[in-house]
Amino acid sequence: MKLSTKSRYGTRLILDMVQNSGKEAVQLSEISKRQDISVKYLEQIIIPLKKSKYVKGIRGAKGGYVLMKSPKEITVGEIVALLEGGETICECTEKPRSCKKSKTCMTRQMWMDAAQAMFDKLNSITFDDLKNGECGSKI
């Protein structure tokens, strides 16, 4: 299984903000340079993060984006689930009607358990943990 670039880059975006914001707003152009991600792609990623109130846009000369929550309160799992569209690795586990075999599928529960295990791990890691290099033993 591969996570989309949206969730991988979204995780890097949030971590960059944690590392570089202080009390000032961080501009996407700065994150783009540091993370080698296009500004256009970061603009797409920031939309659901704003709607879900993880970040807030600040207008003006010193504008940019700031985190709305403490890095201790944001888990990697939350961001990945938001940007991937849920805590699942197979569509049939959340939408059984998407597969006509979902009622009798002998592997469906396995995929549900695998997704649960992955998100249990990701939800145990905060962005403060990442910033402090304290996630190695959690992964």
N, C-alpha and C. Protein backbone atom coordinates (compact mmCIF):
# COMPACT_ATOMS: atom_id res chain seq x y z
N MET A 1 0.84 -1.18 0.00
CA MET A 1 0.00 0.00 0.00
C MET A 1 0.88 1.24 0.00
N LYS A 2 0.47 2.22 -0.75
CA LYS A 2 1.18 3.49 -0.78
C LYS A 2 0.22 4.60 -0.36
N LEU A 3 0.71 5.47 0.49
CA LEU A 3 -0.06 6.66 0.81
C LEU A 3 0.09 7.64 -0.35
N SER A 4 -0.93 8.44 -0.56
CA SER A 4 -0.86 9.42 -1.64
C SER A 4 0.16 10.51 -1.30
N THR A 5 0.60 11.20 -2.33
CA THR A 5 1.51 12.33 -2.09
C THR A 5 0.80 13.40 -1.27
N LYS A 6 -0.51 13.47 -1.39
CA LYS A 6 -1.26 14.47 -0.64
C LYS A 6 -1.05 14.30 0.86
N SER A 7 -1.16 13.07 1.36
CA SER A 7 -0.97 12.88 2.80
C SER A 7 0.50 12.95 3.20
N ARG A 8 1.39 12.46 2.36
CA ARG A 8 2.82 12.55 2.68
C ARG A 8 3.27 14.01 2.70
N TYR A 9 2.88 14.77 1.68
CA TYR A 9 3.26 16.18 1.64
C TYR A 9 2.51 17.00 2.70
N GLY A 10 1.27 16.63 2.99
CA GLY A 10 0.52 17.32 4.04
C GLY A 10 1.17 17.14 5.39
N THR A 11 1.70 15.96 5.64
CA THR A 11 2.41 15.70 6.89
C THR A 11 3.69 16.54 6.94
N ARG A 12 4.39 16.62 5.83
CA ARG A 12 5.60 17.45 5.78
C ARG A 12 5.26 18.92 5.95
N LEU A 13 4.15 19.36 5.37
CA LEU A 13 3.71 20.75 5.49
C LEU A 13 3.47 21.10 6.96
N ILE A 14 2.70 20.27 7.65
CA ILE A 14 2.41 20.54 9.06
C ILE A 14 3.69 20.52 9.89
N LEU A 15 4.55 19.54 9.67
CA LEU A 15 5.80 19.46 10.42
C LEU A 15 6.67 20.68 10.15
N ASP A 16 6.72 21.14 8.91
CA ASP A 16 7.50 22.34 8.58
C ASP A 16 6.95 23.54 9.34
N MET A 17 5.63 23.65 9.41
CA MET A 17 5.02 24.75 10.16
C MET A 17 5.39 24.67 11.64
N VAL A 18 5.38 23.47 12.18
CA VAL A 18 5.74 23.27 13.58
C VAL A 18 7.19 23.72 13.82
N GLN A 19 8.07 23.36 12.91
CA GLN A 19 9.49 23.66 13.07
C GLN A 19 9.83 25.12 12.80
N ASN A 20 9.04 25.80 11.97
CA ASN A 20 9.46 27.13 11.50
C ASN A 20 8.50 28.27 11.82
N SER A 21 7.43 28.03 12.52
CA SER A 21 6.46 29.10 12.71
C SER A 21 6.76 30.01 13.88
N GLY A 22 7.13 29.47 15.03
CA GLY A 22 7.25 30.32 16.20
C GLY A 22 5.91 30.97 16.45
N LYS A 23 5.87 32.28 16.47
CA LYS A 23 4.59 32.98 16.64
C LYS A 23 4.19 33.70 15.36
N GLU A 24 4.99 33.56 14.32
CA GLU A 24 4.70 34.24 13.06
C GLU A 24 4.10 33.27 12.06
N ALA A 25 3.38 33.83 11.11
CA ALA A 25 2.80 33.03 10.04
C ALA A 25 3.90 32.53 9.11
N VAL A 26 3.67 31.37 8.53
CA VAL A 26 4.62 30.77 7.60
C VAL A 26 4.01 30.83 6.21
N GLN A 27 4.77 31.31 5.25
CA GLN A 27 4.28 31.40 3.87
C GLN A 27 4.50 30.09 3.14
N LEU A 28 3.53 29.75 2.28
CA LEU A 28 3.64 28.52 1.50
C LEU A 28 4.87 28.53 0.61
N SER A 29 5.26 29.71 0.14
CA SER A 29 6.45 29.79 -0.72
C SER A 29 7.71 29.37 0.05
N GLU A 30 7.76 29.68 1.34
CA GLU A 30 8.90 29.26 2.17
C GLU A 30 8.89 27.76 2.37
N ILE A 31 7.71 27.21 2.67
CA ILE A 31 7.59 25.76 2.86
C ILE A 31 7.94 25.06 1.55
N SER A 32 7.48 25.62 0.44
CA SER A 32 7.75 25.05 -0.88
C SER A 32 9.25 24.89 -1.11
N LYS A 33 10.01 25.92 -0.79
CA LYS A 33 11.46 25.88 -0.98
C LYS A 33 12.12 24.85 -0.06
N ARG A 34 11.73 24.87 1.20
CA ARG A 34 12.34 23.95 2.17
C ARG A 34 12.00 22.49 1.90
N GLN A 35 10.77 22.25 1.45
CA GLN A 35 10.30 20.88 1.28
C GLN A 35 10.36 20.39 -0.17
N ASP A 36 10.70 21.26 -1.09
CA ASP A 36 10.76 20.92 -2.51
C ASP A 36 9.42 20.37 -3.00
N ILE A 37 8.36 21.12 -2.67
CA ILE A 37 6.99 20.81 -3.09
C ILE A 37 6.46 22.07 -3.75
N SER A 38 5.78 21.94 -4.88
CA SER A 38 5.30 23.13 -5.58
C SER A 38 4.28 23.89 -4.73
N VAL A 39 4.29 25.20 -4.88
CA VAL A 39 3.34 26.05 -4.16
C VAL A 39 1.91 25.67 -4.56
N LYS A 40 1.70 25.39 -5.84
CA LYS A 40 0.35 25.02 -6.31
C LYS A 40 -0.17 23.78 -5.59
N TYR A 41 0.71 22.81 -5.40
CA TYR A 41 0.28 21.59 -4.70
C TYR A 41 0.02 21.87 -3.22
N LEU A 42 0.87 22.68 -2.60
CA LEU A 42 0.64 23.06 -1.21
C LEU A 42 -0.67 23.83 -1.05
N GLU A 43 -1.01 24.65 -2.03
CA GLU A 43 -2.28 25.39 -1.99
C GLU A 43 -3.47 24.43 -2.00
N GLN A 44 -3.35 23.31 -2.73
CA GLN A 44 -4.42 22.31 -2.74
C GLN A 44 -4.51 21.58 -1.40
N ILE A 45 -3.37 21.29 -0.82
CA ILE A 45 -3.34 20.56 0.45
C ILE A 45 -3.84 21.42 1.60
N ILE A 46 -3.57 22.71 1.55
CA ILE A 46 -3.92 23.59 2.66
C ILE A 46 -5.44 23.77 2.79
N ILE A 47 -6.18 23.60 1.70
CA ILE A 47 -7.63 23.81 1.72
C ILE A 47 -8.33 22.92 2.75
N PRO A 48 -8.17 21.58 2.69
CA PRO A 48 -8.85 20.77 3.71
C PRO A 48 -8.29 21.00 5.12
N LEU A 49 -7.02 21.39 5.23
CA LEU A 49 -6.45 21.68 6.54
C LEU A 49 -7.09 22.93 7.14
N LYS A 50 -7.41 23.91 6.30
CA LYS A 50 -8.10 25.12 6.76
C LYS A 50 -9.54 24.79 7.13
N LYS A 51 -10.23 24.04 6.27
CA LYS A 51 -11.64 23.70 6.54
C LYS A 51 -11.80 22.91 7.83
N SER A 52 -10.81 22.09 8.14
CA SER A 52 -10.85 21.27 9.35
C SER A 52 -10.23 21.98 10.56
N LYS A 53 -9.88 23.22 10.37
CA LYS A 53 -9.36 24.09 11.44
C LYS A 53 -8.04 23.62 12.06
N TYR A 54 -7.20 23.05 11.23
CA TYR A 54 -5.83 22.75 11.67
C TYR A 54 -4.93 23.95 11.43
N VAL A 55 -5.21 24.70 10.37
CA VAL A 55 -4.43 25.90 10.06
C VAL A 55 -5.37 27.06 9.77
N LYS A 56 -4.82 28.24 9.89
CA LYS A 56 -5.58 29.47 9.62
C LYS A 56 -4.73 30.37 8.75
N GLY A 57 -5.35 30.98 7.76
CA GLY A 57 -4.65 31.92 6.90
C GLY A 57 -4.65 33.31 7.51
N ILE A 58 -3.52 33.99 7.39
CA ILE A 58 -3.35 35.36 7.87
C ILE A 58 -3.04 36.22 6.65
N ARG A 59 -3.79 37.28 6.46
CA ARG A 59 -3.57 38.18 5.33
C ARG A 59 -2.57 39.28 5.70
N GLY A 60 -2.03 39.90 4.67
CA GLY A 60 -1.15 41.03 4.88
C GLY A 60 0.30 40.75 4.53
N ALA A 61 1.11 41.78 4.74
CA ALA A 61 2.53 41.70 4.37
C ALA A 61 3.25 40.57 5.11
N LYS A 62 2.90 40.36 6.34
CA LYS A 62 3.52 39.28 7.11
C LYS A 62 2.57 38.10 7.21
N GLY A 63 1.74 37.96 6.20
CA GLY A 63 0.74 36.90 6.19
C GLY A 63 1.32 35.54 5.88
N GLY A 64 0.45 34.57 5.92
CA GLY A 64 0.82 33.19 5.68
C GLY A 64 -0.15 32.31 6.43
N TYR A 65 0.36 31.25 7.02
CA TYR A 65 -0.48 30.30 7.74
C TYR A 65 0.08 30.01 9.12
N VAL A 66 -0.83 29.82 10.07
CA VAL A 66 -0.45 29.44 11.43
C VAL A 66 -1.27 28.22 11.83
N LEU A 67 -0.72 27.44 12.73
CA LEU A 67 -1.44 26.30 13.27
C LEU A 67 -2.51 26.77 14.23
N MET A 68 -3.65 26.11 14.20
CA MET A 68 -4.75 26.46 15.10
C MET A 68 -4.72 25.62 16.38
N LYS A 69 -3.91 24.56 16.36
CA LYS A 69 -3.79 23.69 17.52
C LYS A 69 -2.31 23.53 17.86
N SER A 70 -2.06 23.12 19.07
CA SER A 70 -0.70 22.83 19.49
C SER A 70 -0.21 21.57 18.77
N PRO A 71 1.08 21.50 18.44
CA PRO A 71 1.63 20.28 17.84
C PRO A 71 1.43 19.04 18.72
N LYS A 72 1.24 19.25 20.02
CA LYS A 72 0.97 18.13 20.93
C LYS A 72 -0.44 17.57 20.74
N GLU A 73 -1.31 18.37 20.12
CA GLU A 73 -2.70 17.97 19.94
C GLU A 73 -3.01 17.43 18.54
N ILE A 74 -2.05 17.48 17.64
CA ILE A 74 -2.28 17.02 16.27
C ILE A 74 -1.50 15.73 16.04
N THR A 75 -2.22 14.68 15.65
CA THR A 75 -1.52 13.43 15.37
C THR A 75 -1.33 13.26 13.86
N VAL A 76 -0.33 12.47 13.53
CA VAL A 76 -0.08 12.15 12.13
C VAL A 76 -1.30 11.45 11.55
N GLY A 77 -1.91 10.58 12.33
CA GLY A 77 -3.09 9.85 11.87
C GLY A 77 -4.24 10.75 11.48
N GLU A 78 -4.47 11.82 12.24
CA GLU A 78 -5.53 12.77 11.92
C GLU A 78 -5.31 13.39 10.54
N ILE A 79 -4.08 13.80 10.30
CA ILE A 79 -3.76 14.47 9.04
C ILE A 79 -3.85 13.49 7.87
N VAL A 80 -3.31 12.29 8.05
CA VAL A 80 -3.37 11.29 6.99
C VAL A 80 -4.82 10.92 6.70
N ALA A 81 -5.62 10.70 7.73
CA ALA A 81 -7.03 10.35 7.53
C ALA A 81 -7.78 11.47 6.81
N LEU A 82 -7.50 12.70 7.19
CA LEU A 82 -8.15 13.83 6.54
C LEU A 82 -7.81 13.89 5.06
N LEU A 83 -6.53 13.77 4.76
CA LEU A 83 -6.09 13.93 3.37
C LEU A 83 -6.31 12.68 2.51
N GLU A 84 -6.44 11.52 3.15
CA GLU A 84 -6.71 10.29 2.40
C GLU A 84 -8.22 10.01 2.31
N GLY A 85 -9.03 10.75 3.06
CA GLY A 85 -10.47 10.56 3.00
C GLY A 85 -10.99 9.51 3.97
N GLY A 86 -10.23 9.21 5.01
CA GLY A 86 -10.69 8.28 6.03
C GLY A 86 -9.59 7.34 6.49
N GLU A 87 -9.93 6.55 7.49
CA GLU A 87 -8.98 5.60 8.07
C GLU A 87 -9.19 4.22 7.48
N THR A 88 -9.00 4.10 6.21
CA THR A 88 -9.20 2.83 5.53
C THR A 88 -8.12 2.61 4.48
N ILE A 89 -7.91 1.37 4.10
CA ILE A 89 -6.98 1.09 3.01
C ILE A 89 -7.69 0.44 1.82
N CYS A 90 -8.96 0.08 2.01
CA CYS A 90 -9.77 -0.48 0.92
C CYS A 90 -11.14 0.18 0.96
N GLU A 91 -11.64 0.55 -0.18
CA GLU A 91 -12.93 1.22 -0.24
C GLU A 91 -14.05 0.37 0.34
N CYS A 92 -13.99 -0.93 0.13
CA CYS A 92 -15.06 -1.82 0.57
C CYS A 92 -15.22 -1.88 2.09
N THR A 93 -14.18 -1.52 2.83
CA THR A 93 -14.28 -1.59 4.28
C THR A 93 -15.15 -0.48 4.85
N GLU A 94 -15.17 0.66 4.19
CA GLU A 94 -16.03 1.76 4.62
C GLU A 94 -17.34 1.81 3.84
N LYS A 95 -17.30 1.35 2.60
CA LYS A 95 -18.48 1.38 1.74
C LYS A 95 -18.73 -0.02 1.20
N PRO A 96 -19.36 -0.87 2.01
CA PRO A 96 -19.56 -2.26 1.59
C PRO A 96 -20.29 -2.40 0.25
N ARG A 97 -21.14 -1.45 -0.07
CA ARG A 97 -21.89 -1.51 -1.32
C ARG A 97 -21.01 -1.30 -2.55
N SER A 98 -19.77 -0.85 -2.33
CA SER A 98 -18.86 -0.64 -3.46
C SER A 98 -18.38 -1.96 -4.05
N CYS A 99 -18.57 -3.05 -3.33
CA CYS A 99 -18.13 -4.37 -3.80
C CYS A 99 -19.25 -5.38 -3.55
N LYS A 100 -19.64 -6.05 -4.59
CA LYS A 100 -20.75 -7.01 -4.44
C LYS A 100 -20.37 -8.23 -3.61
N LYS A 101 -19.09 -8.42 -3.32
CA LYS A 101 -18.64 -9.56 -2.52
C LYS A 101 -18.38 -9.19 -1.06
N SER A 102 -18.63 -7.96 -0.68
CA SER A 102 -18.25 -7.52 0.67
C SER A 102 -18.92 -8.34 1.78
N LYS A 103 -20.12 -8.83 1.58
CA LYS A 103 -20.79 -9.61 2.63
C LYS A 103 -20.15 -10.99 2.83
N THR A 104 -19.56 -11.52 1.79
CA THR A 104 -18.99 -12.87 1.88
C THR A 104 -17.47 -12.88 1.74
N CYS A 105 -16.86 -11.73 1.59
CA CYS A 105 -15.42 -11.65 1.36
C CYS A 105 -14.65 -12.11 2.60
N MET A 106 -13.78 -13.04 2.41
CA MET A 106 -13.00 -13.59 3.52
C MET A 106 -11.79 -12.72 3.87
N THR A 107 -11.46 -11.72 3.02
CA THR A 107 -10.31 -10.86 3.29
C THR A 107 -10.70 -9.49 3.81
N ARG A 108 -11.97 -9.14 3.74
CA ARG A 108 -12.43 -7.81 4.13
C ARG A 108 -12.04 -7.48 5.58
N GLN A 109 -12.27 -8.37 6.50
CA GLN A 109 -11.93 -8.12 7.91
C GLN A 109 -10.43 -7.94 8.09
N MET A 110 -9.65 -8.68 7.33
CA MET A 110 -8.19 -8.54 7.40
C MET A 110 -7.78 -7.11 7.02
N TRP A 111 -8.38 -6.56 5.94
CA TRP A 111 -8.05 -5.20 5.52
C TRP A 111 -8.50 -4.19 6.57
N MET A 112 -9.62 -4.46 7.19
CA MET A 112 -10.10 -3.57 8.25
C MET A 112 -9.13 -3.59 9.44
N ASP A 113 -8.68 -4.78 9.82
CA ASP A 113 -7.74 -4.90 10.93
C ASP A 113 -6.40 -4.24 10.60
N ALA A 114 -5.94 -4.40 9.37
CA ALA A 114 -4.66 -3.79 8.95
C ALA A 114 -4.75 -2.27 9.00
N ALA A 115 -5.86 -1.73 8.52
CA ALA A 115 -6.05 -0.28 8.55
C ALA A 115 -6.10 0.21 10.00
N GLN A 116 -6.80 -0.53 10.85
CA GLN A 116 -6.90 -0.15 12.26
C GLN A 116 -5.52 -0.13 12.92
N ALA A 117 -4.71 -1.15 12.64
CA ALA A 117 -3.37 -1.21 13.22
C ALA A 117 -2.51 -0.04 12.74
N MET A 118 -2.58 0.26 11.45
CA MET A 118 -1.80 1.36 10.91
C MET A 118 -2.21 2.68 11.56
N PHE A 119 -3.52 2.94 11.63
CA PHE A 119 -3.97 4.21 12.19
C PHE A 119 -3.78 4.27 13.70
N ASP A 120 -3.82 3.13 14.38
CA ASP A 120 -3.48 3.15 15.81
C ASP A 120 -2.06 3.68 15.99
N LYS A 121 -1.13 3.23 15.16
CA LYS A 121 0.25 3.71 15.22
C LYS A 121 0.33 5.20 14.87
N LEU A 122 -0.26 5.57 13.74
CA LEU A 122 -0.19 6.97 13.29
C LEU A 122 -0.86 7.91 14.28
N ASN A 123 -1.93 7.46 14.91
CA ASN A 123 -2.63 8.29 15.89
C ASN A 123 -1.88 8.40 17.21
N SER A 124 -0.87 7.57 17.40
CA SER A 124 -0.08 7.65 18.63
C SER A 124 1.10 8.62 18.49
N ILE A 125 1.30 9.16 17.30
CA ILE A 125 2.43 10.05 17.04
C ILE A 125 1.93 11.47 16.80
N THR A 126 2.35 12.38 17.65
CA THR A 126 1.98 13.78 17.46
C THR A 126 3.07 14.50 16.68
N PHE A 127 2.73 15.69 16.21
CA PHE A 127 3.73 16.48 15.49
C PHE A 127 4.79 17.02 16.45
N ASP A 128 4.45 17.11 17.72
CA ASP A 128 5.46 17.46 18.71
C ASP A 128 6.47 16.32 18.85
N ASP A 129 5.97 15.06 18.81
CA ASP A 129 6.87 13.91 18.83
C ASP A 129 7.83 13.96 17.64
N LEU A 130 7.28 14.22 16.45
CA LEU A 130 8.13 14.30 15.25
C LEU A 130 9.17 15.39 15.37
N LYS A 131 8.73 16.56 15.83
CA LYS A 131 9.65 17.70 15.98
C LYS A 131 10.80 17.35 16.92
N ASN A 132 10.50 16.62 17.96
CA ASN A 132 11.50 16.30 18.98
C ASN A 132 12.22 14.98 18.71
N GLY A 133 11.93 14.37 17.56
CA GLY A 133 12.58 13.12 17.22
C GLY A 133 12.22 11.97 18.14
N GLU A 134 11.03 12.03 18.73
CA GLU A 134 10.63 11.04 19.72
C GLU A 134 9.67 9.99 19.16
N CYS A 135 9.63 9.84 17.86
CA CYS A 135 8.66 8.89 17.31
C CYS A 135 9.29 7.58 16.89
N GLY A 136 10.59 7.47 16.92
CA GLY A 136 11.27 6.26 16.47
C GLY A 136 10.80 5.00 17.14
N SER A 137 10.59 5.04 18.44
CA SER A 137 10.17 3.84 19.15
C SER A 137 8.68 3.58 18.98
N LYS A 138 7.95 4.56 18.48
CA LYS A 138 6.51 4.39 18.30
C LYS A 138 6.16 3.79 16.97
N ILE A 139 7.10 3.79 16.03
CA ILE A 139 6.79 3.29 14.69
C ILE A 139 7.29 1.88 14.56
